[in-house]
Amino acid sequence: MRWIIGILINAILFVAIAGFFGDAFYISGFGAAVGASAILSILNILVRPILIILTLPITLVTLGLFLFVINAITLLITDRMMGSSFEIAGFGTAFLVAIILSFGNMIIQKAVFEPAKKK
């Protein structure tokens, strides 16, 4: 259940971020946002740990900030897998979207899941 809620939260964030960036970040609709969110979550399970291990020295040197680059790479992979319904203009846009998505997820996860744990 938590995984599905996370996918829906990411989809809502994708739609909101796409409205902010205009043509640099395009999503054809909410269904595409849900699909992209599902693909991104699968990539975060399968590909992201491999990328983290491969880039561990630079991640340690940058005190974890390189993880935003890894998040941008997974967003670009999602862009390639989704085709024309999910488009990111370039790495810079993917990097900014990754930062906004990370902070948005952090805030929403704290607001949704932390109060549920306290009950």
PDB file of N, CA and C in Angstrom:
ATOM      1  N   MET A   1       0.820  -1.199   0.000  1.00  0.00           N
ATOM      2  CA  MET A   1       0.000   0.000   0.000  1.00  0.00           C
ATOM      3  C   MET A   1       0.858   1.254   0.000  1.00  0.00           C
ATOM      4  N   ARG A   2       1.939   1.213   0.784  1.00  0.00           N
ATOM      5  CA  ARG A   2       2.826   2.371   0.870  1.00  0.00           C
ATOM      6  C   ARG A   2       3.502   2.641  -0.476  1.00  0.00           C
ATOM      7  N   TRP A   3       3.820   1.552  -1.215  1.00  0.00           N
ATOM      8  CA  TRP A   3       4.465   1.703  -2.513  1.00  0.00           C
ATOM      9  C   TRP A   3       3.532   2.406  -3.498  1.00  0.00           C
ATOM     10  N   ILE A   4       2.252   2.034  -3.486  1.00  0.00           N
ATOM     11  CA  ILE A   4       1.267   2.649  -4.382  1.00  0.00           C
ATOM     12  C   ILE A   4       1.065   4.119  -4.024  1.00  0.00           C
ATOM     13  N   ILE A   5       0.999   4.417  -2.741  1.00  0.00           N
ATOM     14  CA  ILE A   5       0.871   5.818  -2.310  1.00  0.00           C
ATOM     15  C   ILE A   5       2.094   6.611  -2.748  1.00  0.00           C
ATOM     16  N   GLY A   6       3.277   6.021  -2.621  1.00  0.00           N
ATOM     17  CA  GLY A   6       4.503   6.693  -3.071  1.00  0.00           C
ATOM     18  C   GLY A   6       4.487   6.973  -4.562  1.00  0.00           C
ATOM     19  N   ILE A   7       3.985   6.023  -5.348  1.00  0.00           N
ATOM     20  CA  ILE A   7       3.890   6.228  -6.800  1.00  0.00           C
ATOM     21  C   ILE A   7       2.924   7.362  -7.112  1.00  0.00           C
ATOM     22  N   LEU A   8       1.796   7.399  -6.427  1.00  0.00           N
ATOM     23  CA  LEU A   8       0.820   8.474  -6.664  1.00  0.00           C
ATOM     24  C   LEU A   8       1.377   9.834  -6.240  1.00  0.00           C
ATOM     25  N   ILE A   9       2.119   9.865  -5.133  1.00  0.00           N
ATOM     26  CA  ILE A   9       2.741  11.120  -4.695  1.00  0.00           C
ATOM     27  C   ILE A   9       3.745  11.592  -5.734  1.00  0.00           C
ATOM     28  N   ASN A  10       4.575  10.663  -6.248  1.00  0.00           N
ATOM     29  CA  ASN A  10       5.539  11.029  -7.288  1.00  0.00           C
ATOM     30  C   ASN A  10       4.827  11.518  -8.543  1.00  0.00           C
ATOM     31  N   ALA A  11       3.720  10.882  -8.910  1.00  0.00           N
ATOM     32  CA  ALA A  11       2.984  11.296 -10.100  1.00  0.00           C
ATOM     33  C   ALA A  11       2.439  12.712  -9.942  1.00  0.00           C
ATOM     34  N   ILE A  12       1.914  13.017  -8.773  1.00  0.00           N
ATOM     35  CA  ILE A  12       1.410  14.374  -8.523  1.00  0.00           C
ATOM     36  C   ILE A  12       2.553  15.379  -8.572  1.00  0.00           C
ATOM     37  N   LEU A  13       3.699  15.005  -7.990  1.00  0.00           N
ATOM     38  CA  LEU A  13       4.858  15.892  -8.052  1.00  0.00           C
ATOM     39  C   LEU A  13       5.345  16.076  -9.489  1.00  0.00           C
ATOM     40  N   PHE A  14       5.320  15.018 -10.294  1.00  0.00           N
ATOM     41  CA  PHE A  14       5.714  15.135 -11.704  1.00  0.00           C
ATOM     42  C   PHE A  14       4.822  16.129 -12.436  1.00  0.00           C
ATOM     43  N   VAL A  15       3.522  16.039 -12.224  1.00  0.00           N
ATOM     44  CA  VAL A  15       2.594  16.955 -12.893  1.00  0.00           C
ATOM     45  C   VAL A  15       2.846  18.394 -12.443  1.00  0.00           C
ATOM     46  N   ALA A  16       3.058  18.585 -11.145  1.00  0.00           N
ATOM     47  CA  ALA A  16       3.310  19.936 -10.627  1.00  0.00           C
ATOM     48  C   ALA A  16       4.627  20.498 -11.163  1.00  0.00           C
ATOM     49  N   ILE A  17       5.662  19.669 -11.184  1.00  0.00           N
ATOM     50  CA  ILE A  17       6.963  20.126 -11.676  1.00  0.00           C
ATOM     51  C   ILE A  17       6.897  20.407 -13.172  1.00  0.00           C
ATOM     52  N   ALA A  18       6.155  19.586 -13.918  1.00  0.00           N
ATOM     53  CA  ALA A  18       6.014  19.815 -15.360  1.00  0.00           C
ATOM     54  C   ALA A  18       5.321  21.150 -15.634  1.00  0.00           C
ATOM     55  N   GLY A  19       4.369  21.505 -14.802  1.00  0.00           N
ATOM     56  CA  GLY A  19       3.716  22.803 -14.958  1.00  0.00           C
ATOM     57  C   GLY A  19       4.659  23.947 -14.679  1.00  0.00           C
ATOM     58  N   PHE A  20       5.613  23.734 -13.806  1.00  0.00           N
ATOM     59  CA  PHE A  20       6.582  24.774 -13.457  1.00  0.00           C
ATOM     60  C   PHE A  20       7.636  24.953 -14.548  1.00  0.00           C
ATOM     61  N   PHE A  21       8.113  23.859 -15.137  1.00  0.00           N
ATOM     62  CA  PHE A  21       9.199  23.927 -16.108  1.00  0.00           C
ATOM     63  C   PHE A  21       8.744  24.166 -17.540  1.00  0.00           C
ATOM     64  N   GLY A  22       7.484  23.966 -17.840  1.00  0.00           N
ATOM     65  CA  GLY A  22       6.992  24.226 -19.186  1.00  0.00           C
ATOM     66  C   GLY A  22       7.506  23.208 -20.191  1.00  0.00           C
ATOM     67  N   ASP A  23       8.142  23.689 -21.258  1.00  0.00           N
ATOM     68  CA  ASP A  23       8.584  22.809 -22.338  1.00  0.00           C
ATOM     69  C   ASP A  23       9.819  21.986 -21.996  1.00  0.00           C
ATOM     70  N   ALA A  24      10.576  22.373 -20.992  1.00  0.00           N
ATOM     71  CA  ALA A  24      11.792  21.637 -20.640  1.00  0.00           C
ATOM     72  C   ALA A  24      11.482  20.301 -19.990  1.00  0.00           C
ATOM     73  N   PHE A  25      10.309  20.177 -19.386  1.00  0.00           N
ATOM     74  CA  PHE A  25       9.880  18.936 -18.726  1.00  0.00           C
ATOM     75  C   PHE A  25       8.418  18.728 -19.082  1.00  0.00           C
ATOM     76  N   TYR A  26       8.151  17.735 -19.923  1.00  0.00           N
ATOM     77  CA  TYR A  26       6.811  17.523 -20.475  1.00  0.00           C
ATOM     78  C   TYR A  26       6.255  16.169 -20.047  1.00  0.00           C
ATOM     79  N   ILE A  27       5.006  16.169 -19.606  1.00  0.00           N
ATOM     80  CA  ILE A  27       4.258  14.947 -19.318  1.00  0.00           C
ATOM     81  C   ILE A  27       2.921  15.072 -20.039  1.00  0.00           C
ATOM     82  N   SER A  28       2.544  14.031 -20.783  1.00  0.00           N
ATOM     83  CA  SER A  28       1.329  14.122 -21.593  1.00  0.00           C
ATOM     84  C   SER A  28       0.048  14.075 -20.774  1.00  0.00           C
ATOM     85  N   GLY A  29       0.087  13.526 -19.572  1.00  0.00           N
ATOM     86  CA  GLY A  29      -1.104  13.466 -18.732  1.00  0.00           C
ATOM     87  C   GLY A  29      -0.807  12.763 -17.422  1.00  0.00           C
ATOM     88  N   PHE A  30      -1.838  12.629 -16.597  1.00  0.00           N
ATOM     89  CA  PHE A  30      -1.640  12.014 -15.285  1.00  0.00           C
ATOM     90  C   PHE A  30      -1.320  10.528 -15.410  1.00  0.00           C
ATOM     91  N   GLY A  31      -1.889   9.870 -16.403  1.00  0.00           N
ATOM     92  CA  GLY A  31      -1.584   8.458 -16.628  1.00  0.00           C
ATOM     93  C   GLY A  31      -0.114   8.246 -16.958  1.00  0.00           C
ATOM     94  N   ALA A  32       0.429   9.129 -17.778  1.00  0.00           N
ATOM     95  CA  ALA A  32       1.853   9.060 -18.101  1.00  0.00           C
ATOM     96  C   ALA A  32       2.696   9.340 -16.870  1.00  0.00           C
ATOM     97  N   ALA A  33       2.230  10.241 -16.014  1.00  0.00           N
ATOM     98  CA  ALA A  33       2.956  10.540 -14.785  1.00  0.00           C
ATOM     99  C   ALA A  33       2.967   9.334 -13.854  1.00  0.00           C
ATOM    100  N   VAL A  34       1.848   8.613 -13.774  1.00  0.00           N
ATOM    101  CA  VAL A  34       1.791   7.406 -12.948  1.00  0.00           C
ATOM    102  C   VAL A  34       2.715   6.330 -13.528  1.00  0.00           C
ATOM    103  N   GLY A  35       2.705   6.180 -14.848  1.00  0.00           N
ATOM    104  CA  GLY A  35       3.596   5.215 -15.492  1.00  0.00           C
ATOM    105  C   GLY A  35       5.055   5.550 -15.280  1.00  0.00           C
ATOM    106  N   ALA A  36       5.401   6.828 -15.436  1.00  0.00           N
ATOM    107  CA  ALA A  36       6.780   7.260 -15.225  1.00  0.00           C
ATOM    108  C   ALA A  36       7.189   7.067 -13.768  1.00  0.00           C
ATOM    109  N   SER A  37       6.272   7.329 -12.870  1.00  0.00           N
ATOM    110  CA  SER A  37       6.557   7.141 -11.452  1.00  0.00           C
ATOM    111  C   SER A  37       6.786   5.672 -11.123  1.00  0.00           C
ATOM    112  N   ALA A  38       6.001   4.784 -11.725  1.00  0.00           N
ATOM    113  CA  ALA A  38       6.188   3.351 -11.505  1.00  0.00           C
ATOM    114  C   ALA A  38       7.524   2.874 -12.065  1.00  0.00           C
ATOM    115  N   ILE A  39       7.860   3.335 -13.268  1.00  0.00           N
ATOM    116  CA  ILE A  39       9.149   2.966 -13.868  1.00  0.00           C
ATOM    117  C   ILE A  39      10.292   3.504 -13.026  1.00  0.00           C
ATOM    118  N   LEU A  40      10.165   4.748 -12.559  1.00  0.00           N
ATOM    119  CA  LEU A  40      11.209   5.332 -11.730  1.00  0.00           C
ATOM    120  C   LEU A  40      11.391   4.566 -10.430  1.00  0.00           C
ATOM    121  N   SER A  41      10.305   4.122  -9.835  1.00  0.00           N
ATOM    122  CA  SER A  41      10.433   3.366  -8.583  1.00  0.00           C
ATOM    123  C   SER A  41      11.097   2.011  -8.820  1.00  0.00           C
ATOM    124  N   ILE A  42      10.803   1.374  -9.949  1.00  0.00           N
ATOM    125  CA  ILE A  42      11.465   0.113 -10.284  1.00  0.00           C
ATOM    126  C   ILE A  42      12.948   0.336 -10.549  1.00  0.00           C
ATOM    127  N   LEU A  43      13.280   1.420 -11.254  1.00  0.00           N
ATOM    128  CA  LEU A  43      14.688   1.752 -11.487  1.00  0.00           C
ATOM    129  C   LEU A  43      15.409   2.061 -10.178  1.00  0.00           C
ATOM    130  N   ASN A  44      14.707   2.700  -9.255  1.00  0.00           N
ATOM    131  CA  ASN A  44      15.319   2.994  -7.955  1.00  0.00           C
ATOM    132  C   ASN A  44      15.595   1.719  -7.168  1.00  0.00           C
ATOM    133  N   ILE A  45      14.813   0.676  -7.423  1.00  0.00           N
ATOM    134  CA  ILE A  45      15.045  -0.605  -6.750  1.00  0.00           C
ATOM    135  C   ILE A  45      16.170  -1.384  -7.429  1.00  0.00           C
ATOM    136  N   LEU A  46      16.212  -1.369  -8.759  1.00  0.00           N
ATOM    137  CA  LEU A  46      17.141  -2.218  -9.497  1.00  0.00           C
ATOM    138  C   LEU A  46      18.455  -1.546  -9.887  1.00  0.00           C
ATOM    139  N   VAL A  47      18.381  -0.343 -10.446  1.00  0.00           N
ATOM    140  CA  VAL A  47      19.553   0.298 -11.035  1.00  0.00           C
ATOM    141  C   VAL A  47      20.277   1.215 -10.048  1.00  0.00           C
ATOM    142  N   ARG A  48      19.531   1.945  -9.249  1.00  0.00           N
ATOM    143  CA  ARG A  48      20.125   2.939  -8.350  1.00  0.00           C
ATOM    144  C   ARG A  48      21.159   2.352  -7.391  1.00  0.00           C
ATOM    145  N   PRO A  49      20.924   1.176  -6.773  1.00  0.00           N
ATOM    146  CA  PRO A  49      21.966   0.632  -5.886  1.00  0.00           C
ATOM    147  C   PRO A  49      23.276   0.322  -6.613  1.00  0.00           C
ATOM    148  N   ILE A  50      23.176  -0.128  -7.862  1.00  0.00           N
ATOM    149  CA  ILE A  50      24.386  -0.402  -8.643  1.00  0.00           C
ATOM    150  C   ILE A  50      25.136   0.891  -8.912  1.00  0.00           C
ATOM    151  N   LEU A  51      24.410   1.945  -9.296  1.00  0.00           N
ATOM    152  CA  LEU A  51      25.053   3.237  -9.534  1.00  0.00           C
ATOM    153  C   LEU A  51      25.680   3.797  -8.264  1.00  0.00           C
ATOM    154  N   ILE A  52      25.029   3.612  -7.139  1.00  0.00           N
ATOM    155  CA  ILE A  52      25.577   4.102  -5.869  1.00  0.00           C
ATOM    156  C   ILE A  52      26.867   3.375  -5.529  1.00  0.00           C
ATOM    157  N   ILE A  53      26.886   2.067  -5.721  1.00  0.00           N
ATOM    158  CA  ILE A  53      28.113   1.314  -5.423  1.00  0.00           C
ATOM    159  C   ILE A  53      29.232   1.720  -6.357  1.00  0.00           C
ATOM    160  N   LEU A  54      28.935   1.893  -7.640  1.00  0.00           N
ATOM    161  CA  LEU A  54      29.971   2.270  -8.610  1.00  0.00           C
ATOM    162  C   LEU A  54      30.539   3.669  -8.357  1.00  0.00           C
ATOM    163  N   THR A  55      29.723   4.551  -7.810  1.00  0.00           N
ATOM    164  CA  THR A  55      30.161   5.930  -7.593  1.00  0.00           C
ATOM    165  C   THR A  55      30.372   6.249  -6.117  1.00  0.00           C
ATOM    166  N   LEU A  56      30.574   5.225  -5.306  1.00  0.00           N
ATOM    167  CA  LEU A  56      30.711   5.424  -3.862  1.00  0.00           C
ATOM    168  C   LEU A  56      31.838   6.387  -3.478  1.00  0.00           C
ATOM    169  N   PRO A  57      33.032   6.310  -4.087  1.00  0.00           N
ATOM    170  CA  PRO A  57      34.079   7.258  -3.685  1.00  0.00           C
ATOM    171  C   PRO A  57      33.703   8.725  -3.914  1.00  0.00           C
ATOM    172  N   ILE A  58      33.141   9.030  -5.075  1.00  0.00           N
ATOM    173  CA  ILE A  58      32.771  10.426  -5.344  1.00  0.00           C
ATOM    174  C   ILE A  58      31.580  10.848  -4.488  1.00  0.00           C
ATOM    175  N   THR A  59      30.697   9.904  -4.167  1.00  0.00           N
ATOM    176  CA  THR A  59      29.570  10.218  -3.290  1.00  0.00           C
ATOM    177  C   THR A  59      30.063  10.556  -1.891  1.00  0.00           C
ATOM    178  N   LEU A  60      31.057   9.827  -1.419  1.00  0.00           N
ATOM    179  CA  LEU A  60      31.618  10.122  -0.103  1.00  0.00           C
ATOM    180  C   LEU A  60      32.350  11.461  -0.086  1.00  0.00           C
ATOM    181  N   VAL A  61      33.093  11.748  -1.149  1.00  0.00           N
ATOM    182  CA  VAL A  61      33.834  13.018  -1.219  1.00  0.00           C
ATOM    183  C   VAL A  61      32.880  14.206  -1.249  1.00  0.00           C
ATOM    184  N   THR A  62      31.753  14.053  -1.946  1.00  0.00           N
ATOM    185  CA  THR A  62      30.790  15.159  -2.031  1.00  0.00           C
ATOM    186  C   THR A  62      29.764  15.135  -0.907  1.00  0.00           C
ATOM    187  N   LEU A  63      29.997  14.270   0.085  1.00  0.00           N
ATOM    188  CA  LEU A  63      29.108  14.160   1.243  1.00  0.00           C
ATOM    189  C   LEU A  63      27.669  13.832   0.855  1.00  0.00           C
ATOM    190  N   GLY A  64      27.516  12.996  -0.156  1.00  0.00           N
ATOM    191  CA  GLY A  64      26.205  12.529  -0.572  1.00  0.00           C
ATOM    192  C   GLY A  64      25.511  13.372  -1.615  1.00  0.00           C
ATOM    193  N   LEU A  65      26.074  14.516  -1.983  1.00  0.00           N
ATOM    194  CA  LEU A  65      25.422  15.377  -2.966  1.00  0.00           C
ATOM    195  C   LEU A  65      25.421  14.761  -4.356  1.00  0.00           C
ATOM    196  N   PHE A  66      26.336  13.821  -4.615  1.00  0.00           N
ATOM    197  CA  PHE A  66      26.366  13.156  -5.915  1.00  0.00           C
ATOM    198  C   PHE A  66      25.130  12.283  -6.121  1.00  0.00           C
ATOM    199  N   LEU A  67      24.410  11.995  -5.057  1.00  0.00           N
ATOM    200  CA  LEU A  67      23.174  11.217  -5.189  1.00  0.00           C
ATOM    201  C   LEU A  67      22.134  11.945  -6.048  1.00  0.00           C
ATOM    202  N   PHE A  68      22.187  13.278  -6.068  1.00  0.00           N
ATOM    203  CA  PHE A  68      21.295  14.034  -6.949  1.00  0.00           C
ATOM    204  C   PHE A  68      21.622  13.749  -8.413  1.00  0.00           C
ATOM    205  N   VAL A  69      22.903  13.572  -8.725  1.00  0.00           N
ATOM    206  CA  VAL A  69      23.308  13.216 -10.084  1.00  0.00           C
ATOM    207  C   VAL A  69      22.789  11.828 -10.437  1.00  0.00           C
ATOM    208  N   ILE A  70      22.871  10.898  -9.491  1.00  0.00           N
ATOM    209  CA  ILE A  70      22.346   9.550  -9.720  1.00  0.00           C
ATOM    210  C   ILE A  70      20.831   9.605  -9.926  1.00  0.00           C
ATOM    211  N   ASN A  71      20.142  10.416  -9.154  1.00  0.00           N
ATOM    212  CA  ASN A  71      18.693  10.582  -9.338  1.00  0.00           C
ATOM    213  C   ASN A  71      18.382  11.167 -10.713  1.00  0.00           C
ATOM    214  N   ALA A  72      19.197  12.120 -11.176  1.00  0.00           N
ATOM    215  CA  ALA A  72      18.999  12.702 -12.502  1.00  0.00           C
ATOM    216  C   ALA A  72      19.222  11.649 -13.585  1.00  0.00           C
ATOM    217  N   ILE A  73      20.202  10.781 -13.396  1.00  0.00           N
ATOM    218  CA  ILE A  73      20.454   9.712 -14.373  1.00  0.00           C
ATOM    219  C   ILE A  73      19.265   8.758 -14.436  1.00  0.00           C
ATOM    220  N   THR A  74      18.705   8.407 -13.277  1.00  0.00           N
ATOM    221  CA  THR A  74      17.537   7.516 -13.303  1.00  0.00           C
ATOM    222  C   THR A  74      16.329   8.206 -13.943  1.00  0.00           C
ATOM    223  N   LEU A  75      16.213   9.519 -13.777  1.00  0.00           N
ATOM    224  CA  LEU A  75      15.140  10.244 -14.462  1.00  0.00           C
ATOM    225  C   LEU A  75      15.338  10.217 -15.974  1.00  0.00           C
ATOM    226  N   LEU A  76      16.586  10.353 -16.421  1.00  0.00           N
ATOM    227  CA  LEU A  76      16.857  10.302 -17.861  1.00  0.00           C
ATOM    228  C   LEU A  76      16.602   8.906 -18.427  1.00  0.00           C
ATOM    229  N   ILE A  77      16.889   7.874 -17.653  1.00  0.00           N
ATOM    230  CA  ILE A  77      16.574   6.506 -18.090  1.00  0.00           C
ATOM    231  C   ILE A  77      15.060   6.333 -18.191  1.00  0.00           C
ATOM    232  N   THR A  78      14.331   6.897 -17.229  1.00  0.00           N
ATOM    233  CA  THR A  78      12.864   6.854 -17.275  1.00  0.00           C
ATOM    234  C   THR A  78      12.359   7.578 -18.515  1.00  0.00           C
ATOM    235  N   ASP A  79      12.978   8.703 -18.842  1.00  0.00           N
ATOM    236  CA  ASP A  79      12.612   9.464 -20.042  1.00  0.00           C
ATOM    237  C   ASP A  79      12.773   8.601 -21.288  1.00  0.00           C
ATOM    238  N   ARG A  80      13.868   7.880 -21.386  1.00  0.00           N
ATOM    239  CA  ARG A  80      14.108   7.009 -22.552  1.00  0.00           C
ATOM    240  C   ARG A  80      13.092   5.870 -22.624  1.00  0.00           C
ATOM    241  N   MET A  81      12.724   5.328 -21.473  1.00  0.00           N
ATOM    242  CA  MET A  81      11.805   4.192 -21.448  1.00  0.00           C
ATOM    243  C   MET A  81      10.360   4.604 -21.730  1.00  0.00           C
ATOM    244  N   MET A  82       9.990   5.816 -21.371  1.00  0.00           N
ATOM    245  CA  MET A  82       8.604   6.265 -21.526  1.00  0.00           C
ATOM    246  C   MET A  82       8.287   6.749 -22.936  1.00  0.00           C
ATOM    247  N   GLY A  83       9.269   7.116 -23.696  1.00  0.00           N
ATOM    248  CA  GLY A  83       9.020   7.608 -25.048  1.00  0.00           C
ATOM    249  C   GLY A  83       8.572   9.061 -25.053  1.00  0.00           C
ATOM    250  N   SER A  84       7.620   9.386 -25.920  1.00  0.00           N
ATOM    251  CA  SER A  84       7.248  10.792 -26.116  1.00  0.00           C
ATOM    252  C   SER A  84       6.240  11.304 -25.082  1.00  0.00           C
ATOM    253  N   SER A  85       5.718  10.448 -24.232  1.00  0.00           N
ATOM    254  CA  SER A  85       4.747  10.912 -23.239  1.00  0.00           C
ATOM    255  C   SER A  85       5.407  11.505 -22.003  1.00  0.00           C
ATOM    256  N   PHE A  86       6.718  11.335 -21.876  1.00  0.00           N
ATOM    257  CA  PHE A  86       7.480  11.862 -20.740  1.00  0.00           C
ATOM    258  C   PHE A  86       8.812  12.342 -21.296  1.00  0.00           C
ATOM    259  N   GLU A  87       9.016  13.649 -21.335  1.00  0.00           N
ATOM    260  CA  GLU A  87      10.212  14.215 -21.964  1.00  0.00           C
ATOM    261  C   GLU A  87      10.936  15.154 -21.014  1.00  0.00           C
ATOM    262  N   ILE A  88      12.255  14.990 -20.954  1.00  0.00           N
ATOM    263  CA  ILE A  88      13.121  15.893 -20.200  1.00  0.00           C
ATOM    264  C   ILE A  88      14.112  16.470 -21.190  1.00  0.00           C
ATOM    265  N   ALA A  89      14.270  17.791 -21.200  1.00  0.00           N
ATOM    266  CA  ALA A  89      15.072  18.464 -22.214  1.00  0.00           C
ATOM    267  C   ALA A  89      16.553  18.097 -22.149  1.00  0.00           C
ATOM    268  N   GLY A  90      17.116  17.910 -20.973  1.00  0.00           N
ATOM    269  CA  GLY A  90      18.527  17.604 -20.865  1.00  0.00           C
ATOM    270  C   GLY A  90      18.918  17.266 -19.443  1.00  0.00           C
ATOM    271  N   PHE A  91      20.234  17.097 -19.255  1.00  0.00           N
ATOM    272  CA  PHE A  91      20.707  16.699 -17.941  1.00  0.00           C
ATOM    273  C   PHE A  91      20.476  17.786 -16.895  1.00  0.00           C
ATOM    274  N   GLY A  92      20.634  19.047 -17.268  1.00  0.00           N
ATOM    275  CA  GLY A  92      20.418  20.136 -16.318  1.00  0.00           C
ATOM    276  C   GLY A  92      18.993  20.162 -15.798  1.00  0.00           C
ATOM    277  N   THR A  93      18.049  19.983 -16.699  1.00  0.00           N
ATOM    278  CA  THR A  93      16.646  19.924 -16.284  1.00  0.00           C
ATOM    279  C   THR A  93      16.389  18.707 -15.405  1.00  0.00           C
ATOM    280  N   ALA A  94      16.971  17.562 -15.790  1.00  0.00           N
ATOM    281  CA  ALA A  94      16.807  16.345 -14.986  1.00  0.00           C
ATOM    282  C   ALA A  94      17.398  16.533 -13.597  1.00  0.00           C
ATOM    283  N   PHE A  95      18.523  17.235 -13.503  1.00  0.00           N
ATOM    284  CA  PHE A  95      19.159  17.497 -12.218  1.00  0.00           C
ATOM    285  C   PHE A  95      18.268  18.368 -11.335  1.00  0.00           C
ATOM    286  N   LEU A  96      17.706  19.431 -11.913  1.00  0.00           N
ATOM    287  CA  LEU A  96      16.807  20.304 -11.143  1.00  0.00           C
ATOM    288  C   LEU A  96      15.534  19.574 -10.730  1.00  0.00           C
ATOM    289  N   VAL A  97      14.985  18.764 -11.629  1.00  0.00           N
ATOM    290  CA  VAL A  97      13.789  17.986 -11.306  1.00  0.00           C
ATOM    291  C   VAL A  97      14.110  16.990 -10.194  1.00  0.00           C
ATOM    292  N   ALA A  98      15.291  16.377 -10.243  1.00  0.00           N
ATOM    293  CA  ALA A  98      15.692  15.418  -9.206  1.00  0.00           C
ATOM    294  C   ALA A  98      15.779  16.096  -7.841  1.00  0.00           C
ATOM    295  N   ILE A  99      16.319  17.295  -7.799  1.00  0.00           N
ATOM    296  CA  ILE A  99      16.428  18.029  -6.535  1.00  0.00           C
ATOM    297  C   ILE A  99      15.036  18.375  -5.998  1.00  0.00           C
ATOM    298  N   ILE A 100      14.194  18.921  -6.861  1.00  0.00           N
ATOM    299  CA  ILE A 100      12.839  19.302  -6.434  1.00  0.00           C
ATOM    300  C   ILE A 100      12.043  18.068  -6.023  1.00  0.00           C
ATOM    301  N   LEU A 101      12.168  16.989  -6.786  1.00  0.00           N
ATOM    302  CA  LEU A 101      11.453  15.753  -6.481  1.00  0.00           C
ATOM    303  C   LEU A 101      11.918  15.166  -5.154  1.00  0.00           C
ATOM    304  N   SER A 102      13.204  15.208  -4.897  1.00  0.00           N
ATOM    305  CA  SER A 102      13.728  14.675  -3.635  1.00  0.00           C
ATOM    306  C   SER A 102      13.204  15.455  -2.434  1.00  0.00           C
ATOM    307  N   PHE A 103      13.278  16.771  -2.515  1.00  0.00           N
ATOM    308  CA  PHE A 103      12.804  17.579  -1.395  1.00  0.00           C
ATOM    309  C   PHE A 103      11.285  17.511  -1.245  1.00  0.00           C
ATOM    310  N   GLY A 104      10.571  17.486  -2.366  1.00  0.00           N
ATOM    311  CA  GLY A 104       9.116  17.345  -2.301  1.00  0.00           C
ATOM    312  C   GLY A 104       8.705  16.024  -1.694  1.00  0.00           C
ATOM    313  N   ASN A 105       9.382  14.958  -2.099  1.00  0.00           N
ATOM    314  CA  ASN A 105       9.103  13.647  -1.512  1.00  0.00           C
ATOM    315  C   ASN A 105       9.404  13.617  -0.029  1.00  0.00           C
ATOM    316  N   MET A 106      10.502  14.227   0.366  1.00  0.00           N
ATOM    317  CA  MET A 106      10.876  14.242   1.772  1.00  0.00           C
ATOM    318  C   MET A 106       9.805  14.940   2.612  1.00  0.00           C
ATOM    319  N   ILE A 107       9.338  16.076   2.143  1.00  0.00           N
ATOM    320  CA  ILE A 107       8.332  16.839   2.879  1.00  0.00           C
ATOM    321  C   ILE A 107       7.007  16.086   2.935  1.00  0.00           C
ATOM    322  N   ILE A 108       6.582  15.546   1.802  1.00  0.00           N
ATOM    323  CA  ILE A 108       5.299  14.849   1.766  1.00  0.00           C
ATOM    324  C   ILE A 108       5.356  13.545   2.550  1.00  0.00           C
ATOM    325  N   GLN A 109       6.465  12.817   2.456  1.00  0.00           N
ATOM    326  CA  GLN A 109       6.600  11.573   3.208  1.00  0.00           C
ATOM    327  C   GLN A 109       6.532  11.846   4.709  1.00  0.00           C
ATOM    328  N   LYS A 110       7.171  12.911   5.159  1.00  0.00           N
ATOM    329  CA  LYS A 110       7.112  13.275   6.579  1.00  0.00           C
ATOM    330  C   LYS A 110       5.694  13.638   6.989  1.00  0.00           C
ATOM    331  N   ALA A 111       4.975  14.335   6.107  1.00  0.00           N
ATOM    332  CA  ALA A 111       3.620  14.762   6.447  1.00  0.00           C
ATOM    333  C   ALA A 111       2.621  13.604   6.403  1.00  0.00           C
ATOM    334  N   VAL A 112       2.814  12.645   5.489  1.00  0.00           N
ATOM    335  CA  VAL A 112       1.835  11.566   5.320  1.00  0.00           C
ATOM    336  C   VAL A 112       2.159  10.360   6.204  1.00  0.00           C
ATOM    337  N   PHE A 113       3.414   9.910   6.164  1.00  0.00           N
ATOM    338  CA  PHE A 113       3.736   8.647   6.815  1.00  0.00           C
ATOM    339  C   PHE A 113       4.177   8.782   8.272  1.00  0.00           C
ATOM    340  N   GLU A 114       4.777   9.885   8.653  1.00  0.00           N
ATOM    341  CA  GLU A 114       5.217  10.057  10.049  1.00  0.00           C
ATOM    342  C   GLU A 114       4.042  10.134  11.014  1.00  0.00           C
ATOM    343  N   PRO A 115       2.980  10.910  10.719  1.00  0.00           N
ATOM    344  CA  PRO A 115       1.836  10.918  11.636  1.00  0.00           C
ATOM    345  C   PRO A 115       1.153   9.535  11.734  1.00  0.00           C
ATOM    346  N   ALA A 116       1.187   8.762  10.666  1.00  0.00           N
ATOM    347  CA  ALA A 116       0.573   7.433  10.699  1.00  0.00           C
ATOM    348  C   ALA A 116       1.343   6.491  11.609  1.00  0.00           C
ATOM    349  N   LYS A 117       2.657   6.659  11.725  1.00  0.00           N
ATOM    350  CA  LYS A 117       3.457   5.831  12.603  1.00  0.00           C
ATOM    351  C   LYS A 117       3.215   6.135  14.064  1.00  0.00           C
ATOM    352  N   LYS A 118       2.894   7.378  14.390  1.00  0.00           N
ATOM    353  CA  LYS A 118       2.711   7.797  15.782  1.00  0.00           C
ATOM    354  C   LYS A 118       1.397   7.292  16.378  1.00  0.00           C
ATOM    355  N   LYS A 119       0.450   6.920  15.545  1.00  0.00           N
ATOM    356  CA  LYS A 119      -0.863   6.479  16.049  1.00  0.00           C
ATOM    357  C   LYS A 119      -0.807   5.105  16.632  1.00  0.00           C
TER     358      LYS A 119
END
